[in-house]
Amino acid sequence: IWVSMPNGEQLHMRHLQPLLDTDSPSKRVFMLHGEVECGRIFYHESGKGAAYYFAEQGYEVFVADLGGRGRSLGCDGEPSSLTVHDIVTDAIPRLLRAATQHCSLSTDDNAYSLSTAIAPTIWVAHGFGGVLLSAAWARMSESERTATQMIFFGARRKLQAQHRIANAFVKAFCHPLTAKLVNWHNAFPATRMRLGSADENTHWFRVYADWISSDSWCDSEDGFDYQAALQAHPIPPTLHFATAADKIYSGVADVRAFINELGPHDARMIVADTIGDSKRKYDHLSLLLDPAAIGDIFSDAIDWLLEQDDNSKATGTESAVEKDLAIKSLAEEQQVSDTSSEGVSKEFNLDLPFGYSALDDDVFVDEDEKPAELSLVG
């Protein structure tokens, strides 16, 4: 699926159909990557990754690529011109509307009913993507807030800088020399620094540097106060993954502080450290990329979702007919220019380990596109 933006860019979204037949319609999952990375943090062409695992459990999955990365179009090798404000107020809502339009139920009149919400109700994000998704939620109308659960892998906003490594990172990232480097390249050169698969524009750099070092969380363009908005409109029940080993991108103190910023919501935090038989010490990347994450991390996420479903049925808090009608009406308002859903037909083999490397990316190269690389920052 490709989603048109006003600046001419086309944002790509991978669509995975459910691989498990169930009696009830599948729930839809929207996944958003973090900084200097693309949607492939969630999937690999070999059939591995969180997105394929969710599809194998019976979920319909939409994985987004923001501008200037992955398979998104219109940047000609340059960083996207979309600002953080554009992403929060326009790009994310457009991607969610496109997912609603192209879900399997919206093309099957027999499958759709008034008691079935067709919009993605499970929002998943990694790293800074959790900050962007939460900011978008804070600015959305009630009809756009379709999520009933969220899952954040290593999402944090401000670095608490209590650890010497985190403190050094904040000082280096926010140093005037770093700003000069970014201005000289007219981008944050993540690919040249071997930090990720996508460069970020100068506006992103300024906002990111401000948000990781400031107590306040405000929009740089219109001054919108995200903290205040989230206190008034907290996010739905959310599962937060933190790591004990990673002190910069997914530390326990930073994730806990981010939970408090998201308003009074039903939050559960899982700290990944020397889990089960694998004995892995996870960081923000291996939460999604380590082969053992299938049993150590992804299975916990699915169990939590099933627990949330049981709680909803017990308390009678399932989606109302009026909300479903509003969601369907909202989807009809936005027309997406060029779309193509990609079904998944390959068998999901959990016995084979997966990992992202340059060799993996060389295997999957379309004739008219450059190979993607892996992200090293979350």
Protein backbone atom coordinates (compact mmCIF):
# COMPACT_ATOMS: atom_id res chain seq x y z
CA ILE A 1 0.00 0.00 0.00
CA TRP A 2 1.27 3.50 -0.84
CA VAL A 3 -0.12 6.58 0.86
CA SER A 4 0.21 10.00 -0.80
CA MET A 5 1.44 13.01 1.16
CA PRO A 6 0.86 16.68 0.20
CA ASN A 7 4.60 17.17 -0.48
CA GLY A 8 4.54 14.46 -3.17
CA GLU A 9 6.07 11.67 -1.11
CA GLN A 10 4.49 8.21 -1.15
CA LEU A 11 4.64 6.39 2.18
CA HIS A 12 4.82 2.60 1.93
CA MET A 13 2.87 0.22 4.16
CA ARG A 14 3.35 -3.54 4.12
CA HIS A 15 0.09 -5.50 4.43
CA LEU A 16 0.23 -9.02 5.89
CA GLN A 17 -2.90 -11.13 5.82
CA PRO A 18 -3.65 -13.44 8.77
CA LEU A 19 -1.96 -16.83 8.44
CA LEU A 20 -4.24 -18.52 10.96
CA ASP A 21 -7.91 -19.18 10.22
CA THR A 22 -10.21 -18.25 13.09
CA ASP A 23 -13.96 -18.34 13.55
CA SER A 24 -14.11 -14.62 14.36
CA PRO A 25 -12.79 -11.78 12.18
CA SER A 26 -9.13 -11.01 12.71
CA LYS A 27 -8.03 -7.94 14.63
CA ARG A 28 -5.87 -5.42 12.83
CA VAL A 29 -2.43 -4.32 13.98
CA PHE A 30 -0.61 -1.13 12.93
CA MET A 31 3.19 -1.10 13.41
CA LEU A 32 5.44 1.98 13.38
CA HIS A 33 9.23 1.91 13.44
CA GLY A 34 11.55 4.22 15.39
CA GLU A 35 14.17 6.75 14.36
CA VAL A 36 16.76 6.12 11.58
CA GLU A 37 15.06 2.82 10.76
CA CYS A 38 12.25 1.52 8.57
CA GLY A 39 9.39 -0.96 8.83
CA ARG A 40 11.71 -3.91 8.24
CA ILE A 41 12.62 -3.78 11.91
CA PHE A 42 9.34 -5.74 12.24
CA TYR A 43 9.74 -8.24 9.39
CA HIS A 44 12.18 -10.00 7.11
CA GLU A 45 11.59 -11.51 3.69
CA SER A 46 12.49 -14.93 5.09
CA GLY A 47 9.21 -14.82 7.02
CA LYS A 48 10.66 -13.80 10.35
CA GLY A 49 10.00 -10.93 12.71
CA ALA A 50 7.23 -9.59 14.90
CA ALA A 51 4.91 -8.77 11.99
CA TYR A 52 4.97 -12.31 10.63
CA TYR A 53 4.58 -13.74 14.12
CA PHE A 54 1.46 -11.65 14.70
CA ALA A 55 0.10 -12.72 11.31
CA GLU A 56 0.75 -16.35 12.21
CA GLN A 57 -1.33 -15.86 15.36
CA GLY A 58 -4.30 -14.69 13.25
CA TYR A 59 -3.81 -10.91 13.19
CA GLU A 60 -3.96 -8.73 10.09
CA VAL A 61 -0.85 -6.54 10.12
CA PHE A 62 0.06 -3.19 8.55
CA VAL A 63 3.72 -2.11 8.82
CA ALA A 64 4.49 1.50 7.90
CA ASP A 65 7.57 3.10 6.36
CA LEU A 66 7.79 6.81 7.07
CA GLY A 67 9.27 9.10 4.41
CA GLY A 68 12.73 8.66 2.95
CA ARG A 69 13.24 5.05 4.00
CA GLY A 70 12.24 1.48 3.29
CA ARG A 71 10.10 1.31 0.16
CA SER A 72 8.60 4.79 0.50
CA LEU A 73 8.93 6.89 -2.65
CA GLY A 74 9.54 10.48 -3.66
CA CYS A 75 12.76 11.45 -1.89
CA ASP A 76 15.32 10.39 -4.55
CA GLY A 77 17.83 9.24 -1.96
CA GLU A 78 17.48 12.35 0.19
CA PRO A 79 15.97 12.52 3.68
CA SER A 80 12.23 13.08 3.81
CA SER A 81 11.12 16.70 4.02
CA LEU A 82 8.33 15.77 6.44
CA THR A 83 8.76 17.43 9.82
CA VAL A 84 7.93 15.76 13.11
CA HIS A 85 4.82 17.95 13.18
CA ASP A 86 3.84 16.64 9.71
CA ILE A 87 4.33 13.03 10.82
CA VAL A 88 2.27 13.45 13.99
CA THR A 89 -0.58 15.51 12.57
CA ASP A 90 -0.81 14.15 9.01
CA ALA A 91 1.30 11.12 8.09
CA ILE A 92 0.25 8.81 10.92
CA PRO A 93 -3.50 9.60 10.56
CA ARG A 94 -3.24 9.02 6.78
CA LEU A 95 -1.50 5.67 7.29
CA LEU A 96 -4.16 4.56 9.76
CA ARG A 97 -6.96 5.60 7.40
CA ALA A 98 -5.28 3.67 4.57
CA ALA A 99 -5.03 0.59 6.77
CA THR A 100 -8.73 0.89 7.55
CA GLN A 101 -9.56 1.16 3.85
CA HIS A 102 -7.52 -1.86 2.86
CA CYS A 103 -8.18 -4.29 5.66
CA SER A 104 -9.66 -7.60 4.54
CA LEU A 105 -13.06 -6.86 6.10
CA SER A 106 -13.51 -3.62 4.15
CA THR A 107 -13.45 -5.59 0.87
CA ASP A 108 -15.71 -8.41 2.08
CA ASP A 109 -19.29 -7.31 2.61
CA ASN A 110 -20.20 -10.64 4.16
CA ALA A 111 -17.44 -10.43 6.75
CA TYR A 112 -18.21 -6.87 7.84
CA SER A 113 -20.85 -6.24 10.48
CA LEU A 114 -21.77 -3.28 12.62
CA SER A 115 -20.27 -4.97 15.66
CA THR A 116 -16.85 -5.34 14.03
CA ALA A 117 -14.38 -2.45 14.04
CA ILE A 118 -12.38 -2.49 10.81
CA ALA A 119 -9.74 0.06 11.81
CA PRO A 120 -6.48 -1.10 13.42
CA THR A 121 -7.26 -1.48 17.12
CA ILE A 122 -3.78 -2.61 18.17
CA TRP A 123 -1.01 -0.04 17.70
CA VAL A 124 2.58 -1.25 18.00
CA ALA A 125 5.71 0.92 17.96
CA HIS A 126 9.44 0.62 18.48
CA GLY A 127 11.69 3.24 20.07
CA PHE A 128 10.90 6.82 19.08
CA GLY A 129 7.95 5.51 17.08
CA GLY A 130 6.14 5.11 20.40
CA VAL A 131 6.65 8.81 21.09
CA LEU A 132 5.33 9.76 17.65
CA LEU A 133 2.33 7.43 17.93
CA SER A 134 1.45 8.76 21.39
CA ALA A 135 1.78 12.34 20.16
CA ALA A 136 -0.56 11.55 17.26
CA TRP A 137 -3.08 10.04 19.70
CA ALA A 138 -2.96 13.23 21.79
CA ARG A 139 -4.01 15.35 18.79
CA MET A 140 -6.57 13.03 17.23
CA SER A 141 -10.32 13.36 17.38
CA GLU A 142 -12.28 10.73 19.29
CA SER A 143 -13.29 8.98 16.06
CA GLU A 144 -9.64 8.67 15.04
CA ARG A 145 -8.56 7.10 18.33
CA THR A 146 -9.34 3.56 17.25
CA ALA A 147 -6.72 1.78 19.37
CA THR A 148 -7.94 -0.40 22.22
CA GLN A 149 -4.45 -1.69 23.07
CA MET A 150 -0.90 -0.52 22.38
CA ILE A 151 2.45 -2.31 22.59
CA PHE A 152 5.68 -0.32 22.83
CA PHE A 153 9.09 -1.95 22.40
CA GLY A 154 11.71 0.19 24.15
CA ALA A 155 9.75 3.44 23.78
CA ARG A 156 10.98 6.39 25.80
CA ARG A 157 11.05 10.15 25.33
CA LYS A 158 13.41 11.92 27.74
CA LEU A 159 16.69 10.31 28.71
CA GLN A 160 16.91 10.50 32.48
CA ALA A 161 20.73 10.54 32.17
CA GLN A 162 21.25 8.88 35.55
CA HIS A 163 23.69 6.39 34.04
CA ARG A 164 27.05 7.67 32.83
CA ILE A 165 26.57 6.14 29.38
CA ALA A 166 23.18 7.79 28.93
CA ASN A 167 24.52 11.06 30.25
CA ALA A 168 27.41 10.95 27.77
CA PHE A 169 25.01 10.20 24.93
CA VAL A 170 22.80 13.20 25.71
CA LYS A 171 25.82 15.51 25.94
CA ALA A 172 27.26 14.25 22.65
CA PHE A 173 23.96 14.31 20.74
CA CYS A 174 23.05 17.80 21.95
CA HIS A 175 26.58 19.20 21.55
CA PRO A 176 26.98 22.23 19.21
CA LEU A 177 29.50 20.28 17.12
CA THR A 178 26.88 17.63 16.41
CA ALA A 179 24.48 20.36 15.29
CA LYS A 180 27.18 21.73 12.96
CA LEU A 181 27.72 18.26 11.50
CA VAL A 182 24.00 17.91 10.84
CA ASN A 183 23.81 21.35 9.23
CA TRP A 184 26.84 20.58 7.05
CA HIS A 185 25.25 17.36 5.76
CA ASN A 186 21.79 18.98 5.73
CA ALA A 187 20.66 15.81 7.54
CA PHE A 188 21.51 13.58 10.47
CA PRO A 189 23.83 11.18 8.56
CA ALA A 190 22.83 7.94 10.26
CA THR A 191 23.77 5.80 7.25
CA ARG A 192 27.30 7.26 7.00
CA MET A 193 27.76 6.86 10.74
CA ARG A 194 26.50 3.25 10.43
CA LEU A 195 23.75 3.97 12.92
CA GLY A 196 20.76 3.02 10.83
CA SER A 197 19.14 2.49 7.46
CA ALA A 198 17.80 6.02 6.97
CA ASP A 199 19.04 9.57 7.45
CA GLU A 200 16.80 12.03 9.27
CA ASN A 201 16.27 15.66 8.27
CA THR A 202 17.56 18.64 10.23
CA HIS A 203 14.13 19.41 11.71
CA TRP A 204 13.91 15.90 13.12
CA PHE A 205 17.36 16.32 14.68
CA ARG A 206 16.40 19.54 16.44
CA VAL A 207 13.14 18.09 17.77
CA TYR A 208 14.74 14.82 18.86
CA ALA A 209 17.57 16.64 20.66
CA ASP A 210 15.01 18.83 22.44
CA TRP A 211 12.65 16.02 23.41
CA ILE A 212 15.34 13.70 24.83
CA SER A 213 16.81 16.46 26.99
CA SER A 214 13.84 18.60 28.04
CA ASP A 215 11.23 18.11 30.76
CA SER A 216 8.56 19.70 28.58
CA TRP A 217 7.07 17.87 25.61
CA CYS A 218 5.72 20.49 23.21
CA ASP A 219 5.35 20.74 19.44
CA SER A 220 8.11 22.84 17.89
CA GLU A 221 5.78 24.39 15.30
CA ASP A 222 2.58 25.29 17.12
CA GLY A 223 3.52 24.78 20.79
CA PHE A 224 0.96 22.01 21.37
CA ASP A 225 1.51 20.54 24.84
CA TYR A 226 1.51 16.76 24.45
CA GLN A 227 1.88 16.07 28.16
CA ALA A 228 -1.21 18.10 29.01
CA ALA A 229 -3.22 16.55 26.19
CA LEU A 230 -2.31 13.01 27.24
CA GLN A 231 -3.28 13.70 30.84
CA ALA A 232 -6.71 14.70 29.53
CA HIS A 233 -6.88 11.89 26.94
CA PRO A 234 -4.64 9.03 28.14
CA ILE A 235 -3.77 6.19 25.84
CA PRO A 236 -5.55 2.81 26.13
CA PRO A 237 -4.09 -0.20 27.99
CA THR A 238 -0.47 -0.55 26.92
CA LEU A 239 2.28 -3.13 27.27
CA HIS A 240 5.73 -1.54 27.60
CA PHE A 241 8.94 -3.53 27.04
CA ALA A 242 12.13 -2.23 28.67
CA THR A 243 15.58 -3.75 28.93
CA ALA A 244 18.02 -3.92 31.81
CA ALA A 245 21.13 -4.06 29.61
CA ASP A 246 20.43 -1.04 27.35
CA LYS A 247 20.98 2.18 29.30
CA ILE A 248 20.40 4.56 26.38
CA TYR A 249 17.44 3.51 24.26
CA SER A 250 15.22 1.30 26.42
CA GLY A 251 16.33 1.66 30.02
CA VAL A 252 13.88 0.87 32.79
CA ALA A 253 13.91 4.37 34.31
CA ASP A 254 13.32 6.03 30.93
CA VAL A 255 10.47 3.70 29.99
CA ARG A 256 8.86 4.18 33.40
CA ALA A 257 9.10 7.97 33.07
CA PHE A 258 7.49 7.74 29.62
CA ILE A 259 4.64 5.67 31.08
CA ASN A 260 3.94 8.48 33.54
CA GLU A 261 3.83 11.02 30.71
CA LEU A 262 1.14 9.07 28.84
CA GLY A 263 -1.61 9.79 31.33
CA PRO A 264 -3.43 7.49 33.79
CA HIS A 265 -3.67 4.36 31.66
CA ASP A 266 -3.58 0.63 32.34
CA ALA A 267 0.15 0.04 31.88
CA ARG A 268 2.22 -3.09 32.26
CA MET A 269 6.00 -3.07 31.92
CA ILE A 270 8.07 -6.15 31.15
CA VAL A 271 11.81 -5.83 31.76
CA ALA A 272 13.69 -8.13 29.39
CA ASP A 273 16.85 -9.46 31.00
CA THR A 274 18.22 -13.02 30.95
CA ILE A 275 14.84 -14.46 30.01
CA GLY A 276 13.95 -18.13 30.21
CA ASP A 277 16.08 -20.82 28.62
CA SER A 278 17.60 -18.41 26.10
CA LYS A 279 19.39 -16.37 28.82
CA ARG A 280 19.47 -13.42 26.39
CA LYS A 281 20.32 -9.97 27.71
CA TYR A 282 18.16 -7.90 25.43
CA ASP A 283 18.73 -4.37 24.17
CA HIS A 284 16.35 -2.15 22.19
CA LEU A 285 17.21 -3.83 18.87
CA SER A 286 17.35 -7.44 19.94
CA LEU A 287 13.85 -7.07 21.43
CA LEU A 288 12.71 -7.39 17.81
CA LEU A 289 15.67 -8.96 15.98
CA ASP A 290 17.00 -11.73 18.20
CA PRO A 291 15.82 -15.22 17.13
CA ALA A 292 14.95 -16.01 20.75
CA ALA A 293 12.55 -13.04 20.86
CA ILE A 294 9.87 -15.29 19.36
CA GLY A 295 9.56 -17.21 22.62
CA ASP A 296 10.90 -14.59 25.01
CA ILE A 297 9.17 -11.42 23.82
CA PHE A 298 6.57 -11.89 21.07
CA SER A 299 4.72 -14.66 22.89
CA ASP A 300 4.35 -12.40 25.95
CA ALA A 301 2.85 -9.69 23.75
CA ILE A 302 0.28 -12.12 22.30
CA ASP A 303 -0.56 -13.49 25.74
CA TRP A 304 -1.15 -9.95 27.00
CA LEU A 305 -3.47 -9.19 24.07
CA LEU A 306 -5.48 -12.35 24.73
CA GLU A 307 -5.69 -11.39 28.38
CA GLN A 308 -6.99 -7.96 27.39
CA ASP A 309 -9.62 -9.59 25.17
CA ASP A 310 -10.77 -11.78 28.06
CA ASN A 311 -10.99 -8.75 30.33
CA SER A 312 -13.03 -6.84 27.75
CA LYS A 313 -15.50 -9.69 27.36
CA ALA A 314 -15.83 -10.06 31.12
CA THR A 315 -16.52 -6.36 31.67
CA GLY A 316 -18.57 -5.82 28.51
CA THR A 317 -16.32 -3.08 27.15
CA GLU A 318 -16.28 -4.22 23.54
CA SER A 319 -16.58 -1.63 20.75
CA ALA A 320 -19.93 0.06 20.40
CA VAL A 321 -21.88 0.17 17.12
CA GLU A 322 -21.74 3.96 17.01
CA LYS A 323 -17.94 3.97 17.17
CA ASP A 324 -17.71 1.40 14.39
CA LEU A 325 -19.92 3.51 12.14
CA ALA A 326 -17.77 6.55 12.81
CA ILE A 327 -14.64 4.54 11.96
CA LYS A 328 -16.12 3.32 8.68
CA SER A 329 -17.24 6.83 7.76
CA LEU A 330 -13.76 8.19 8.53
CA ALA A 331 -12.15 5.62 6.26
CA GLU A 332 -14.36 6.68 3.35
CA GLU A 333 -13.23 10.31 3.63
CA GLN A 334 -9.62 9.64 2.63
CA GLN A 335 -8.77 8.30 -0.83
CA VAL A 336 -5.34 6.77 -1.26
CA SER A 337 -3.81 7.16 -4.72
CA ASP A 338 -1.87 4.02 -5.60
CA THR A 339 -2.44 0.92 -3.51
CA SER A 340 -1.44 -2.69 -3.65
CA SER A 341 -1.93 -5.08 -0.77
CA GLU A 342 0.67 -7.73 -0.32
CA GLY A 343 -0.73 -11.03 0.94
CA VAL A 344 1.45 -13.47 2.76
CA SER A 345 1.27 -17.03 1.55
CA LYS A 346 4.55 -18.53 2.74
CA GLU A 347 4.54 -20.85 5.71
CA PHE A 348 5.92 -19.34 8.89
CA ASN A 349 8.74 -21.58 10.12
CA LEU A 350 9.60 -20.77 13.73
CA ASP A 351 12.53 -23.18 13.79
CA LEU A 352 14.77 -21.04 11.62
CA PRO A 353 16.55 -18.13 13.32
CA PHE A 354 16.43 -14.74 11.69
CA GLY A 355 18.67 -11.73 11.87
CA TYR A 356 19.22 -8.59 9.85
CA SER A 357 22.49 -8.13 8.06
CA ALA A 358 23.80 -6.64 4.86
CA LEU A 359 23.73 -10.12 3.33
CA ASP A 360 20.03 -10.47 4.10
CA ASP A 361 19.30 -7.15 2.44
CA ASP A 362 21.27 -8.07 -0.67
CA VAL A 363 18.96 -11.04 -1.18
CA PHE A 364 15.84 -8.86 -1.46
CA VAL A 365 16.44 -6.16 -4.05
CA ASP A 366 13.83 -5.15 -6.59
CA GLU A 367 15.16 -4.01 -9.95
CA ASP A 368 14.15 -0.42 -9.34
CA GLU A 369 14.96 -0.02 -5.67
CA LYS A 370 18.03 0.12 -3.49
CA PRO A 371 18.61 -2.57 -0.86
CA ALA A 372 17.48 -1.66 2.64
CA GLU A 373 19.92 -1.79 5.53
CA LEU A 374 19.37 -2.47 9.15
CA SER A 375 18.76 0.06 11.83
CA LEU A 376 21.19 0.29 14.69
CA VAL A 377 19.25 2.92 16.63
CA GLY A 378 15.76 2.53 18.05
